[in-house]
Amino acid sequence: MTPGTFSRFCGVAVAASCLTISVACGSPDAPAPAATTSAPAGSAAPAPATSAASSVNIVEPAEGSSSGHISLFSWTAVEGADGYRMHLAAATDGRTIWDSPVLTTTEAHLPNTVALEPEAYVWQITALKGTEVLATSPLSRFTVTP
């Protein structure tokens, strides 16, 4: 079968550094097979995300928000997480503004040494259990206005 064509039999395999996903299908009359996942040798397959408690949701500043002063950041708790890391960067060039130490609450105040100038920023939260990453939020963008 050539790329971009479809026949009665197909197969899809997606591999990432930590997870392999395979899906195969047969004739139109055959029942659809279930997707399978496998992890690289020597590692456990990650559990699928099944509830909001297994993902990090940005609360404040919300995606697309603007304000003249932003110093408080908050997010939802992740089940099983015992710490969180926050990454804050300039949206235009990606330069890091602040990487937090491991935080034990679901909010962070910028240290006095970090002043946000008027420009666009992105931020992201990583939920941790020890050193294991449980979940990472999507990048969220906000703007500090003059």
Protein backbone atom coordinates (compact mmCIF):
# COMPACT_ATOMS: atom_id res chain seq x y z
CA MET A 1 0.00 0.00 0.00
CA THR A 2 1.38 3.43 -0.85
CA PRO A 3 1.23 6.39 1.53
CA GLY A 4 -2.06 8.26 1.38
CA THR A 5 -4.06 5.26 0.11
CA PHE A 6 -6.67 3.20 1.97
CA SER A 7 -7.41 -0.47 1.56
CA ARG A 8 -9.46 -3.12 3.35
CA PHE A 9 -6.56 -3.68 5.75
CA CYS A 10 -4.72 -0.93 7.59
CA GLY A 11 -2.36 -0.49 10.49
CA VAL A 12 -1.20 2.48 12.48
CA ALA A 13 1.73 2.52 14.85
CA VAL A 14 2.86 5.57 16.78
CA ALA A 15 6.01 5.43 18.86
CA ALA A 16 7.23 7.97 21.35
CA SER A 17 10.20 7.76 23.66
CA CYS A 18 8.05 6.41 26.48
CA LEU A 19 5.02 4.80 24.83
CA THR A 20 4.15 2.83 21.72
CA ILE A 21 0.56 2.75 20.45
CA SER A 22 -0.54 0.28 17.77
CA VAL A 23 -3.90 0.03 16.03
CA ALA A 24 -4.76 -2.46 13.32
CA CYS A 25 -7.94 -3.04 11.35
CA GLY A 26 -9.13 -5.74 8.98
CA SER A 27 -11.95 -6.12 6.52
CA PRO A 28 -15.02 -3.90 6.76
CA ASP A 29 -17.03 -6.95 7.97
CA ALA A 30 -14.64 -7.81 10.81
CA PRO A 31 -15.10 -6.34 14.29
CA ALA A 32 -12.74 -3.49 15.09
CA PRO A 33 -9.78 -4.60 17.21
CA ALA A 34 -8.88 -2.79 20.39
CA ALA A 35 -5.92 -0.44 20.49
CA THR A 36 -2.93 -1.72 22.42
CA THR A 37 -0.20 0.14 24.21
CA SER A 38 3.21 -0.98 25.30
CA ALA A 39 6.07 0.68 27.09
CA PRO A 40 9.74 0.25 26.28
CA ALA A 41 11.38 -2.78 27.87
CA GLY A 42 12.06 -2.31 31.55
CA SER A 43 9.41 0.34 32.17
CA ALA A 44 5.76 0.35 33.13
CA ALA A 45 3.11 1.72 30.79
CA PRO A 46 1.61 4.97 32.07
CA ALA A 47 -1.96 4.87 33.32
CA PRO A 48 -4.43 6.60 31.00
CA ALA A 49 -5.78 9.96 32.13
CA THR A 50 -9.36 9.36 33.19
CA SER A 51 -10.40 12.35 35.26
CA ALA A 52 -9.76 16.03 35.76
CA ALA A 53 -7.79 15.13 38.90
CA SER A 54 -5.08 13.55 36.74
CA SER A 55 -4.40 16.73 34.76
CA VAL A 56 -3.19 20.20 35.69
CA ASN A 57 -5.63 22.97 34.90
CA ILE A 58 -4.52 26.60 34.89
CA VAL A 59 -6.75 28.83 37.04
CA GLU A 60 -5.09 32.25 37.29
CA PRO A 61 -3.96 34.11 35.27
CA ALA A 62 -6.29 32.49 32.78
CA GLU A 63 -5.38 31.84 29.15
CA GLY A 64 -5.51 35.10 27.19
CA SER A 65 -5.97 37.37 30.22
CA SER A 66 -4.45 40.86 30.53
CA SER A 67 -3.70 42.96 33.57
CA GLY A 68 -1.46 45.79 34.68
CA HIS A 69 -0.07 43.67 37.53
CA ILE A 70 0.16 39.89 37.87
CA SER A 71 2.02 38.25 40.73
CA LEU A 72 -0.24 35.35 41.81
CA PHE A 73 -0.48 32.12 39.82
CA SER A 74 -2.84 29.26 40.68
CA TRP A 75 -3.83 25.86 39.29
CA THR A 76 -5.86 22.78 40.22
CA ALA A 77 -4.44 19.97 42.34
CA VAL A 78 -3.44 16.69 40.73
CA GLU A 79 -4.33 13.47 42.54
CA GLY A 80 -1.19 11.90 44.01
CA ALA A 81 1.03 14.94 43.42
CA ASP A 82 3.25 16.03 46.28
CA GLY A 83 4.83 18.98 44.48
CA TYR A 84 4.58 21.31 41.50
CA ARG A 85 7.06 23.25 39.39
CA MET A 86 6.14 26.45 37.58
CA HIS A 87 7.87 27.67 34.43
CA LEU A 88 7.35 31.28 33.32
CA ALA A 89 8.77 32.60 30.05
CA ALA A 90 8.47 35.55 27.68
CA ALA A 91 6.07 34.63 24.88
CA THR A 92 7.98 36.50 22.17
CA ASP A 93 11.40 34.91 22.49
CA GLY A 94 10.96 32.08 25.02
CA ARG A 95 13.50 33.46 27.50
CA THR A 96 12.98 32.07 30.98
CA ILE A 97 11.67 34.61 33.46
CA TRP A 98 11.35 32.25 36.45
CA ASP A 99 11.54 28.54 37.18
CA SER A 100 10.13 27.85 40.63
CA PRO A 101 11.55 25.51 43.19
CA VAL A 102 9.27 22.55 43.99
CA LEU A 103 6.09 24.04 45.44
CA THR A 104 3.79 22.13 47.82
CA THR A 105 0.66 24.22 47.23
CA THR A 106 -1.43 25.01 44.15
CA GLU A 107 -0.42 28.64 43.99
CA ALA A 108 2.73 30.65 43.61
CA HIS A 109 3.65 34.27 44.19
CA LEU A 110 6.50 35.64 42.13
CA PRO A 111 9.54 36.47 44.26
CA ASN A 112 10.30 40.17 44.82
CA THR A 113 13.28 39.81 42.49
CA VAL A 114 10.99 39.05 39.52
CA ALA A 115 9.10 42.03 38.08
CA LEU A 116 6.97 41.46 35.00
CA GLU A 117 7.39 44.20 32.42
CA PRO A 118 4.57 45.00 29.97
CA GLU A 119 4.67 42.16 27.43
CA ALA A 120 3.16 38.72 26.73
CA TYR A 121 4.16 35.70 28.82
CA VAL A 122 3.52 31.96 28.87
CA TRP A 123 3.49 29.72 31.90
CA GLN A 124 3.18 26.04 32.62
CA ILE A 125 2.83 23.78 35.66
CA THR A 126 4.33 20.32 36.10
CA ALA A 127 2.82 18.07 38.79
CA LEU A 128 5.29 15.78 40.55
CA LYS A 129 5.30 12.79 42.87
CA GLY A 130 8.85 12.83 44.12
CA THR A 131 10.87 13.17 40.94
CA GLU A 132 8.23 11.48 38.73
CA VAL A 133 6.23 13.77 36.44
CA LEU A 134 2.51 13.03 36.85
CA ALA A 135 1.09 15.70 34.53
CA THR A 136 2.05 18.89 32.73
CA SER A 137 -0.37 21.68 31.87
CA PRO A 138 -0.54 23.16 28.39
CA LEU A 139 1.25 26.49 28.02
CA SER A 140 -1.05 29.32 29.06
CA ARG A 141 -0.55 32.85 27.73
CA PHE A 142 -1.25 36.16 29.49
CA THR A 143 -0.23 39.78 28.94
CA VAL A 144 0.96 42.41 31.37
CA THR A 145 -0.26 45.79 30.18
CA PRO A 146 1.36 49.21 30.85
